[in-house]
Structure formats: structure tokens, C-alpha cells
C-alpha atoms as a PDB file:
ATOM      1  CA  MET A   1       3.704  -6.684  57.510  1.00  0.00           C
ATOM      2  CA  ARG A   2       0.894  -4.345  58.780  1.00  0.00           C
ATOM      3  CA  ASN A   3       1.462  -1.859  55.524  1.00  0.00           C
ATOM      4  CA  ILE A   4       1.601  -4.589  52.850  1.00  0.00           C
ATOM      5  CA  VAL A   5      -2.305  -5.291  54.030  1.00  0.00           C
ATOM      6  CA  THR A   6      -2.775  -1.606  53.902  1.00  0.00           C
ATOM      7  CA  ALA A   7      -1.012  -1.236  50.608  1.00  0.00           C
ATOM      8  CA  TRP A   8      -3.815  -3.956  49.465  1.00  0.00           C
ATOM      9  CA  LEU A   9      -6.710  -2.139  50.241  1.00  0.00           C
ATOM     10  CA  ASP A  10      -4.805   0.941  48.674  1.00  0.00           C
ATOM     11  CA  LEU A  11      -5.668  -1.445  45.513  1.00  0.00           C
ATOM     12  CA  HIS A  12      -9.574  -1.885  46.211  1.00  0.00           C
ATOM     13  CA  TYR A  13      -9.429   1.978  46.845  1.00  0.00           C
ATOM     14  CA  LEU A  14      -8.170   2.501  43.129  1.00  0.00           C
ATOM     15  CA  ASP A  15     -10.764   0.124  41.816  1.00  0.00           C
ATOM     16  CA  ASP A  16     -13.650   2.061  43.777  1.00  0.00           C
ATOM     17  CA  LEU A  17     -12.398   5.800  42.320  1.00  0.00           C
ATOM     18  CA  ALA A  18     -12.427   4.015  38.980  1.00  0.00           C
ATOM     19  CA  ARG A  19     -16.309   3.241  40.017  1.00  0.00           C
ATOM     20  CA  GLN A  20     -17.056   6.754  39.649  1.00  0.00           C
ATOM     21  CA  ALA A  21     -18.900   9.025  36.912  1.00  0.00           C
ATOM     22  CA  SER A  22     -17.320  11.793  36.469  1.00  0.00           C
ATOM     23  CA  PHE A  23     -16.652  13.866  33.245  1.00  0.00           C
ATOM     24  CA  PHE A  24     -13.437  12.473  32.653  1.00  0.00           C
ATOM     25  CA  HIS A  25     -14.708   9.186  34.211  1.00  0.00           C
ATOM     26  CA  ARG A  26     -17.237   8.836  31.251  1.00  0.00           C
ATOM     27  CA  LEU A  27     -14.688   8.937  28.218  1.00  0.00           C
ATOM     28  CA  HIS A  28     -13.091   6.634  26.010  1.00  0.00           C
ATOM     29  CA  PRO A  29     -10.406   4.471  27.761  1.00  0.00           C
ATOM     30  CA  ALA A  30      -8.955   4.202  24.345  1.00  0.00           C
ATOM     31  CA  GLY A  31      -8.802   8.007  24.227  1.00  0.00           C
ATOM     32  CA  LYS A  32      -7.795   8.533  27.785  1.00  0.00           C
ATOM     33  CA  LEU A  33      -4.623   5.673  27.124  1.00  0.00           C
ATOM     34  CA  VAL A  34      -3.737   7.782  23.848  1.00  0.00           C
ATOM     35  CA  ILE A  35      -3.635  10.676  26.091  1.00  0.00           C
ATOM     36  CA  THR A  36      -1.500   9.240  28.890  1.00  0.00           C
ATOM     37  CA  LEU A  37       0.525   7.862  26.596  1.00  0.00           C
ATOM     38  CA  ALA A  38       1.193  10.855  24.651  1.00  0.00           C
ATOM     39  CA  PHE A  39       1.815  12.868  27.779  1.00  0.00           C
ATOM     40  CA  ALA A  40       4.699   9.988  28.898  1.00  0.00           C
ATOM     41  CA  VAL A  41       6.482  10.263  25.842  1.00  0.00           C
ATOM     42  CA  THR A  42       6.389  14.344  26.014  1.00  0.00           C
ATOM     43  CA  ALA A  43       7.636  14.256  29.203  1.00  0.00           C
ATOM     44  CA  ALA A  44      10.511  11.653  28.870  1.00  0.00           C
ATOM     45  CA  SER A  45      11.277  13.651  25.383  1.00  0.00           C
ATOM     46  CA  PHE A  46      12.693  16.958  27.082  1.00  0.00           C
ATOM     47  CA  ASP A  47      16.487  17.514  27.434  1.00  0.00           C
ATOM     48  CA  LYS A  48      17.931  16.057  30.654  1.00  0.00           C
ATOM     49  CA  TYR A  49      19.128  19.535  31.618  1.00  0.00           C
ATOM     50  CA  GLU A  50      15.316  21.155  30.880  1.00  0.00           C
ATOM     51  CA  ILE A  51      13.494  22.082  34.192  1.00  0.00           C
ATOM     52  CA  ALA A  52      11.191  25.105  33.308  1.00  0.00           C
ATOM     53  CA  GLY A  53      10.169  23.357  30.473  1.00  0.00           C
ATOM     54  CA  LEU A  54       8.422  20.377  32.309  1.00  0.00           C
ATOM     55  CA  LEU A  55       6.436  22.989  34.431  1.00  0.00           C
ATOM     56  CA  PRO A  56       3.580  23.716  31.953  1.00  0.00           C
ATOM     57  CA  LEU A  57       2.838  20.041  31.801  1.00  0.00           C
ATOM     58  CA  PHE A  58       1.887  19.325  35.211  1.00  0.00           C
ATOM     59  CA  PHE A  59      -1.543  21.664  34.192  1.00  0.00           C
ATOM     60  CA  TYR A  60      -2.770  17.845  33.447  1.00  0.00           C
ATOM     61  CA  PRO A  61      -2.771  15.959  36.092  1.00  0.00           C
ATOM     62  CA  LEU A  62      -3.990  19.489  38.553  1.00  0.00           C
ATOM     63  CA  ALA A  63      -7.079  19.116  35.464  1.00  0.00           C
ATOM     64  CA  VAL A  64      -7.321  15.299  35.097  1.00  0.00           C
ATOM     65  CA  MET A  65      -8.090  15.719  39.262  1.00  0.00           C
ATOM     66  CA  ALA A  66     -10.266  18.449  39.041  1.00  0.00           C
ATOM     67  CA  LEU A  67     -12.399  16.930  36.205  1.00  0.00           C
ATOM     68  CA  GLY A  68     -12.735  13.418  37.698  1.00  0.00           C
ATOM     69  CA  ARG A  69     -13.092  14.285  41.638  1.00  0.00           C
ATOM     70  CA  LEU A  70     -10.127  12.586  42.864  1.00  0.00           C
ATOM     71  CA  PRO A  71      -8.659  13.252  46.065  1.00  0.00           C
ATOM     72  CA  SER A  72      -5.286  14.714  45.733  1.00  0.00           C
ATOM     73  CA  SER A  73      -3.462  13.868  48.914  1.00  0.00           C
ATOM     74  CA  ARG A  74      -4.109  10.014  48.388  1.00  0.00           C
ATOM     75  CA  LEU A  75      -2.534  10.067  45.000  1.00  0.00           C
ATOM     76  CA  LEU A  76       0.480  12.399  46.335  1.00  0.00           C
ATOM     77  CA  GLN A  77       0.957   9.589  48.940  1.00  0.00           C
ATOM     78  CA  ARG A  78       1.603   6.929  46.468  1.00  0.00           C
ATOM     79  CA  LEU A  79       3.969   8.911  45.126  1.00  0.00           C
ATOM     80  CA  LEU A  80       6.100   8.764  47.455  1.00  0.00           C
ATOM     81  CA  LEU A  81       6.407   5.168  47.456  1.00  0.00           C
ATOM     82  CA  VAL A  82       8.169   6.154  44.136  1.00  0.00           C
ATOM     83  CA  SER A  83      10.785   8.577  45.884  1.00  0.00           C
ATOM     84  CA  PRO A  84      13.161   6.051  47.248  1.00  0.00           C
ATOM     85  CA  VAL A  85      13.032   4.681  43.140  1.00  0.00           C
ATOM     86  CA  VAL A  86      13.857   8.874  41.897  1.00  0.00           C
ATOM     87  CA  LEU A  87      16.592   9.044  44.404  1.00  0.00           C
ATOM     88  CA  LEU A  88      18.841   5.633  43.549  1.00  0.00           C
ATOM     89  CA  VAL A  89      18.286   6.579  39.635  1.00  0.00           C
ATOM     90  CA  GLY A  90      19.567  10.413  40.117  1.00  0.00           C
ATOM     91  CA  LEU A  91      21.393   9.975  43.200  1.00  0.00           C
ATOM     92  CA  PHE A  92      24.718  10.226  41.555  1.00  0.00           C
ATOM     93  CA  ASN A  93      24.542  12.590  39.107  1.00  0.00           C
ATOM     94  CA  PRO A  94      25.706  15.265  41.137  1.00  0.00           C
ATOM     95  CA  LEU A  95      28.929  13.691  41.428  1.00  0.00           C
ATOM     96  CA  LEU A  96      29.297  12.126  37.663  1.00  0.00           C
ATOM     97  CA  ASP A  97      28.057  15.558  36.011  1.00  0.00           C
ATOM     98  CA  ARG A  98      30.001  18.529  36.786  1.00  0.00           C
ATOM     99  CA  THR A  99      29.665  20.382  34.198  1.00  0.00           C
ATOM    100  CA  PRO A 100      28.541  24.334  35.123  1.00  0.00           C
ATOM    101  CA  HIS A 101      25.512  25.543  33.950  1.00  0.00           C
ATOM    102  CA  ASP A 102      24.630  29.376  33.812  1.00  0.00           C
ATOM    103  CA  VAL A 103      20.541  29.401  35.552  1.00  0.00           C
ATOM    104  CA  ALA A 104      18.985  32.387  33.861  1.00  0.00           C
ATOM    105  CA  GLY A 105      22.406  34.571  34.434  1.00  0.00           C
ATOM    106  CA  LEU A 106      21.778  34.833  38.131  1.00  0.00           C
ATOM    107  CA  PHE A 107      24.283  32.350  39.479  1.00  0.00           C
ATOM    108  CA  THR A 108      26.351  28.532  38.436  1.00  0.00           C
ATOM    109  CA  ILE A 109      24.813  25.241  39.009  1.00  0.00           C
ATOM    110  CA  ALA A 110      26.586  22.048  38.110  1.00  0.00           C
ATOM    111  CA  GLY A 111      24.624  19.456  35.446  1.00  0.00           C
ATOM    112  CA  GLY A 112      24.353  16.561  37.663  1.00  0.00           C
ATOM    113  CA  TRP A 113      21.556  18.700  39.990  1.00  0.00           C
ATOM    114  CA  LEU A 114      19.797  19.974  36.856  1.00  0.00           C
ATOM    115  CA  SER A 115      19.864  16.534  35.436  1.00  0.00           C
ATOM    116  CA  PHE A 116      18.862  14.925  39.000  1.00  0.00           C
ATOM    117  CA  LEU A 117      15.598  17.464  39.259  1.00  0.00           C
ATOM    118  CA  SER A 118      14.759  17.264  35.581  1.00  0.00           C
ATOM    119  CA  LEU A 119      14.335  13.245  36.166  1.00  0.00           C
ATOM    120  CA  THR A 120      12.424  14.067  39.546  1.00  0.00           C
ATOM    121  CA  LEU A 121      10.122  16.037  37.809  1.00  0.00           C
ATOM    122  CA  LYS A 122       9.803  13.404  34.352  1.00  0.00           C
ATOM    123  CA  LEU A 123       9.323  10.662  37.208  1.00  0.00           C
ATOM    124  CA  THR A 124       6.856  12.776  38.774  1.00  0.00           C
ATOM    125  CA  LEU A 125       4.444  13.522  35.885  1.00  0.00           C
ATOM    126  CA  THR A 126       4.640  10.100  33.931  1.00  0.00           C
ATOM    127  CA  THR A 127       3.782   8.698  37.564  1.00  0.00           C
ATOM    128  CA  THR A 128       0.731  10.485  38.247  1.00  0.00           C
ATOM    129  CA  ALA A 129      -0.451   9.966  35.138  1.00  0.00           C
ATOM    130  CA  ALA A 130      -0.375   6.173  35.140  1.00  0.00           C
ATOM    131  CA  LEU A 131      -2.222   6.453  38.622  1.00  0.00           C
ATOM    132  CA  LEU A 132      -4.439   9.141  37.090  1.00  0.00           C
ATOM    133  CA  LEU A 133      -4.963   6.589  34.364  1.00  0.00           C
ATOM    134  CA  ILE A 134      -5.710   3.750  36.709  1.00  0.00           C
ATOM    135  CA  ALA A 135      -7.900   5.898  38.651  1.00  0.00           C
ATOM    136  CA  THR A 136      -9.973   6.959  36.300  1.00  0.00           C
ATOM    137  CA  THR A 137     -10.719   3.774  34.018  1.00  0.00           C
ATOM    138  CA  LYS A 138     -11.363   0.094  35.457  1.00  0.00           C
ATOM    139  CA  LEU A 139      -8.738  -2.471  34.571  1.00  0.00           C
ATOM    140  CA  PRO A 140     -10.870  -4.216  32.284  1.00  0.00           C
ATOM    141  CA  ALA A 141     -11.746  -1.305  30.323  1.00  0.00           C
ATOM    142  CA  ILE A 142      -8.128   0.012  29.520  1.00  0.00           C
ATOM    143  CA  GLY A 143      -7.851  -4.310  27.994  1.00  0.00           C
ATOM    144  CA  ALA A 144     -10.473  -3.484  25.904  1.00  0.00           C
ATOM    145  CA  ALA A 145      -8.903  -0.068  25.232  1.00  0.00           C
ATOM    146  CA  LEU A 146      -5.706  -2.071  24.459  1.00  0.00           C
ATOM    147  CA  ARG A 147      -7.159  -4.836  22.327  1.00  0.00           C
ATOM    148  CA  GLN A 148      -8.460  -1.831  20.332  1.00  0.00           C
ATOM    149  CA  LEU A 149      -5.289  -0.055  19.639  1.00  0.00           C
ATOM    150  CA  GLY A 150      -3.362  -3.894  18.158  1.00  0.00           C
ATOM    151  CA  LEU A 151      -2.017  -5.273  21.098  1.00  0.00           C
ATOM    152  CA  PRO A 152      -1.704  -8.743  21.341  1.00  0.00           C
ATOM    153  CA  ARG A 153      -4.763 -10.464  22.627  1.00  0.00           C
ATOM    154  CA  ALA A 154      -1.603 -12.638  24.659  1.00  0.00           C
ATOM    155  CA  LEU A 155       0.137  -9.467  26.510  1.00  0.00           C
ATOM    156  CA  VAL A 156      -3.769  -8.429  27.468  1.00  0.00           C
ATOM    157  CA  VAL A 157      -4.624 -11.692  28.802  1.00  0.00           C
ATOM    158  CA  GLN A 158      -1.114 -11.783  30.741  1.00  0.00           C
ATOM    159  CA  LEU A 159      -2.070  -7.978  32.153  1.00  0.00           C
ATOM    160  CA  LEU A 160      -5.755  -8.516  33.718  1.00  0.00           C
ATOM    161  CA  LEU A 161      -4.474 -11.348  35.348  1.00  0.00           C
ATOM    162  CA  LEU A 162      -1.644 -10.362  36.955  1.00  0.00           C
ATOM    163  CA  HIS A 163      -3.792  -7.384  38.458  1.00  0.00           C
ATOM    164  CA  ARG A 164      -6.317 -10.090  39.541  1.00  0.00           C
ATOM    165  CA  TYR A 165      -3.296 -12.980  40.801  1.00  0.00           C
ATOM    166  CA  LEU A 166      -2.232  -9.498  42.157  1.00  0.00           C
ATOM    167  CA  PHE A 167      -4.852  -9.399  45.060  1.00  0.00           C
ATOM    168  CA  VAL A 168      -4.237 -12.907  45.937  1.00  0.00           C
ATOM    169  CA  LEU A 169      -1.184 -12.938  46.740  1.00  0.00           C
ATOM    170  CA  LEU A 170      -1.740  -9.579  48.954  1.00  0.00           C
ATOM    171  CA  GLU A 171      -4.541 -11.868  50.492  1.00  0.00           C
ATOM    172  CA  GLU A 172      -1.289 -14.290  51.178  1.00  0.00           C
ATOM    173  CA  VAL A 173       0.352 -11.728  53.137  1.00  0.00           C
ATOM    174  CA  GLY A 174      -2.227 -10.761  54.595  1.00  0.00           C
ATOM    175  CA  ARG A 175      -3.023 -14.377  56.258  1.00  0.00           C
ATOM    176  CA  ILE A 176       0.579 -14.816  57.028  1.00  0.00           C
ATOM    177  CA  ALA A 177       0.707 -10.773  58.630  1.00  0.00           C
ATOM    178  CA  GLN A 178      -2.155 -11.955  60.677  1.00  0.00           C
ATOM    179  CA  ALA A 179      -0.986 -15.200  61.717  1.00  0.00           C
ATOM    180  CA  CYS A 180       2.536 -14.073  63.011  1.00  0.00           C
ATOM    181  CA  GLU A 181       1.059 -11.263  65.184  1.00  0.00           C
ATOM    182  CA  LEU A 182      -1.173 -13.400  66.810  1.00  0.00           C
ATOM    183  CA  ARG A 183       1.649 -15.991  67.618  1.00  0.00           C
ATOM    184  CA  SER A 184       4.199 -13.298  68.631  1.00  0.00           C
ATOM    185  CA  ALA A 185       4.654 -11.053  71.740  1.00  0.00           C
ATOM    186  CA  PRO A 186       3.311  -7.855  71.618  1.00  0.00           C
ATOM    187  CA  GLY A 187       5.497  -4.950  70.197  1.00  0.00           C
ATOM    188  CA  LYS A 188       8.061  -6.892  68.507  1.00  0.00           C
ATOM    189  CA  GLY A 189       8.146  -7.771  65.212  1.00  0.00           C
ATOM    190  CA  LEU A 190       9.257 -10.630  62.911  1.00  0.00           C
ATOM    191  CA  PRO A 191      12.833 -11.872  63.623  1.00  0.00           C
ATOM    192  CA  TYR A 192      15.030 -11.407  60.727  1.00  0.00           C
ATOM    193  CA  GLY A 193      15.812 -15.305  60.898  1.00  0.00           C
ATOM    194  CA  ALA A 194      12.103 -16.034  59.451  1.00  0.00           C
ATOM    195  CA  TRP A 195      11.984 -14.005  56.583  1.00  0.00           C
ATOM    196  CA  GLY A 196      13.374 -16.960  54.389  1.00  0.00           C
ATOM    197  CA  SER A 197      10.446 -19.717  55.846  1.00  0.00           C
ATOM    198  CA  LEU A 198       8.114 -17.179  55.701  1.00  0.00           C
ATOM    199  CA  LEU A 199       8.668 -16.628  51.729  1.00  0.00           C
ATOM    200  CA  GLY A 200       8.769 -20.385  50.887  1.00  0.00           C
ATOM    201  CA  GLN A 201       5.230 -20.094  52.479  1.00  0.00           C
ATOM    202  CA  LEU A 202       4.356 -17.749  51.077  1.00  0.00           C
ATOM    203  CA  LEU A 203       5.253 -18.730  47.438  1.00  0.00           C
ATOM    204  CA  LEU A 204       3.705 -22.347  47.800  1.00  0.00           C
ATOM    205  CA  ARG A 205       0.375 -21.016  49.105  1.00  0.00           C
ATOM    206  CA  THR A 206       0.473 -18.641  46.296  1.00  0.00           C
ATOM    207  CA  VAL A 207       1.498 -21.485  43.558  1.00  0.00           C
ATOM    208  CA  SER A 208      -1.460 -23.925  45.546  1.00  0.00           C
ATOM    209  CA  ARG A 209      -4.171 -20.535  45.864  1.00  0.00           C
ATOM    210  CA  ALA A 210      -3.294 -20.052  41.631  1.00  0.00           C
ATOM    211  CA  GLU A 211      -3.424 -23.474  40.489  1.00  0.00           C
ATOM    212  CA  ARG A 212      -7.155 -23.759  42.587  1.00  0.00           C
ATOM    213  CA  ILE A 213      -8.504 -20.558  40.703  1.00  0.00           C
ATOM    214  CA  TYR A 214      -6.806 -21.879  37.353  1.00  0.00           C
ATOM    215  CA  GLN A 215      -8.576 -25.245  37.871  1.00  0.00           C
ATOM    216  CA  ALA A 216     -11.602 -23.107  39.065  1.00  0.00           C
ATOM    217  CA  MET A 217     -11.425 -21.474  35.665  1.00  0.00           C
ATOM    218  CA  ARG A 218     -11.111 -24.023  33.109  1.00  0.00           C
ATOM    219  CA  CYS A 219     -14.434 -25.674  34.588  1.00  0.00           C
ATOM    220  CA  ARG A 220     -16.149 -22.075  33.831  1.00  0.00           C
ATOM    221  CA  GLY A 221     -14.735 -22.824  30.186  1.00  0.00           C
ATOM    222  CA  PHE A 222     -11.571 -20.452  30.129  1.00  0.00           C
ATOM    223  CA  ASP A 223      -9.580 -21.438  26.975  1.00  0.00           C
ATOM    224  CA  GLY A 224      -7.070 -18.937  27.028  1.00  0.00           C
ATOM    225  CA  GLU A 225      -8.818 -15.276  26.631  1.00  0.00           C
ATOM    226  CA  ILE A 226     -10.660 -13.291  28.757  1.00  0.00           C
ATOM    227  CA  ARG A 227     -14.046 -12.228  26.949  1.00  0.00           C
ATOM    228  CA  LEU A 228     -14.369  -8.186  27.742  1.00  0.00           C
ATOM    229  CA  LEU A 229     -17.452  -5.747  27.150  1.00  0.00           C
ATOM    230  CA  MET A 230     -17.258  -4.108  23.585  1.00  0.00           C
ATOM    231  CA  LEU A 231     -16.301  -0.176  24.077  1.00  0.00           C
ATOM    232  CA  ARG A 232     -18.969   1.984  22.530  1.00  0.00           C
ATOM    233  CA  PRO A 233     -17.192   4.117  19.773  1.00  0.00           C
ATOM    234  CA  MET A 234     -15.570   6.827  20.202  1.00  0.00           C
ATOM    235  CA  GLN A 235     -18.091  10.172  20.597  1.00  0.00           C
ATOM    236  CA  ALA A 236     -16.629  13.740  18.944  1.00  0.00           C
ATOM    237  CA  ARG A 237     -16.316  14.628  22.639  1.00  0.00           C
ATOM    238  CA  ASP A 238     -14.006  11.881  22.610  1.00  0.00           C
ATOM    239  CA  TYR A 239     -12.061  13.022  20.258  1.00  0.00           C
ATOM    240  CA  TRP A 240     -12.132  16.938  20.953  1.00  0.00           C
ATOM    241  CA  HIS A 241     -10.406  15.978  24.385  1.00  0.00           C
ATOM    242  CA  LEU A 242      -7.886  13.747  22.193  1.00  0.00           C
ATOM    243  CA  LEU A 243      -7.005  16.186  19.890  1.00  0.00           C
ATOM    244  CA  ALA A 244      -7.028  19.445  22.536  1.00  0.00           C
ATOM    245  CA  TRP A 245      -4.343  17.393  24.759  1.00  0.00           C
ATOM    246  CA  CYS A 246      -2.183  16.690  22.733  1.00  0.00           C
ATOM    247  CA  GLY A 247      -2.286  19.299  21.500  1.00  0.00           C
ATOM    248  CA  PHE A 248      -1.088  20.875  24.166  1.00  0.00           C
ATOM    249  CA  PHE A 249       1.445  18.843  24.846  1.00  0.00           C
ATOM    250  CA  LEU A 250       3.130  19.523  21.524  1.00  0.00           C
ATOM    251  CA  LEU A 251       3.033  23.238  22.653  1.00  0.00           C
ATOM    252  CA  CYS A 252       4.219  22.685  25.782  1.00  0.00           C
ATOM    253  CA  ARG A 253       7.400  20.187  23.798  1.00  0.00           C
ATOM    254  CA  PHE A 254       7.976  23.073  21.113  1.00  0.00           C
ATOM    255  CA  VAL A 255       7.195  26.103  23.087  1.00  0.00           C
ATOM    256  CA  ASN A 256       9.008  27.161  26.106  1.00  0.00           C
ATOM    257  CA  LEU A 257       5.841  28.311  27.822  1.00  0.00           C
ATOM    258  CA  PRO A 258       7.393  29.531  30.863  1.00  0.00           C
ATOM    259  CA  HIS A 259       9.812  31.439  29.197  1.00  0.00           C
ATOM    260  CA  ALA A 260       7.313  33.466  26.359  1.00  0.00           C
ATOM    261  CA  PHE A 261       5.342  34.011  29.548  1.00  0.00           C
ATOM    262  CA  GLY A 262       8.557  35.957  31.119  1.00  0.00           C
ATOM    263  CA  HIS A 263       9.332  37.758  27.897  1.00  0.00           C
ATOM    264  CA  PHE A 264       5.337  38.797  27.399  1.00  0.00           C
ATOM    265  CA  LEU A 265       5.425  40.240  31.335  1.00  0.00           C
ATOM    266  CA  LEU A 266       8.620  42.125  30.205  1.00  0.00           C
ATOM    267  CA  GLU A 267       6.924  43.399  27.403  1.00  0.00           C
ATOM    268  CA  VAL A 268       4.021  44.880  29.129  1.00  0.00           C
ATOM    269  CA  LEU A 269       5.835  46.257  31.702  1.00  0.00           C
END
């Protein structure tokens, strides 16, 4: 239960990171959103056995961490949260795909291991890009950028309300966790038989809290649309930044940079 409260505090930590004033934070949210989508599409478009071609894409998250002055250790901790998903998705690949593949003429390996490593790299890259977008852009700015890009208003409102109600849910979990710790013996966790009733109480409390919040919003004139601040127009630096990164992604996709660099070193030596 304490881990859930820690996760709630970590969500606030990402919001605090988005309030910084670095070079990458000052870029237009729509441009950063398009770059993130292009990065995810590029990473997902590689062949399922491709590994070396994905490695140059790591330059993008490293550059964003440097330009945005983001702590790499805290972001890596969040990547560990999705590592079980990666293992579950690709766990059976080595068992199902035993097609031999030659690796640089040095050894032979089953195709399942290559696809597992490739899937791990793709999920790591896309998850890191999403975290970097959240850590450098406030969610209302992301919502305004989605509206500028033509996303339906209803979906944007749902996204913003989901983000706000997530904090409400975790606040209720934190209160229940604190009450359980105060009423239980020291060093003993919550018994498994109490988890069912605990989840039921959590559902009832969050629904009741959400109803009160909704009534308060209606009293303040909420009519189904969240009014967002108008974003400034994209400037020249935003367009250059967008074109530069999209060009780099296309280069990584259609040119095997590690292979080309290896050939260049052989020619020089």
C-alpha cells in the first residue's frame, strides 16, 4: 500500500518537472507531440529481428534529457515499472521462434531471442519518449496541442479528466492505506481476505468523491468543455526543431547507421 502512495507522489514529481524553463520546455507543445509520435512510429516500424538499427534512436531521449535538464535516474526507475510487461509480451518468443539467424558471421542465434530483444528495445524507446513528453510539457498544454492537431474535443476532455481523477483515486488509496496501517499490528501487512472489501470501499469512495467534484464543476459553469489557454503560434525554432528530429528519424529508419559506420571505419583503417 505504501508503494501506491509513493506512486501518487511520483505523479506530482512529473508535473513539477514539466514546470521547468529549459530549452526543450519552451518549445511548442504541438511540435513536441508530433516529434514523439514520429519517434514512436519510427521505432515500431523496424523489422521484428532488427536490433542494431534501433540503437541510434537512443540519441533522442539522451538529447532531450540533456536539453531539458531531466534526472535520468528517476526516469529509469519509471521504466522499470513497465519491465514486467515487456517480459510477459516477449517471454515465449524464444520458445516459439527457433529459426536460426546468423549474427555478423560470428555465431548463430534463434530468431525468438532476436525478436525478444528487438521488442524490448522498441518498448523501452517508446515508453521513454512518452515519459519525456509528460516531463517537459504540462498536460493542459498537451490537450491544447491535441485540439490544434484536430483531435475531437470529447477525447481531449476525457484525457484531461482522466488525469485529474487519477489523482483523486490515488488520494483515496492513500487515505485507506494510512487507515489500515494505523489499525493493524506493526510489521504485518493487510490480510488477503480483506482485499475484496477494501477494493469495494475504494470504488464507493471514489465514485462519491467524483460525484461531489462533478457537482462543484457544474456549479462553476462546466458545460462539457474544459477551457484551455490559447497556445502561441509555432515559431521558426519550433519548425526547425521538428524538421531536424523528423529528418534524423528518417535517416535512422532507412539507413543502417551502425552498419554504415562500421564500413567507414574499415575503409579508414
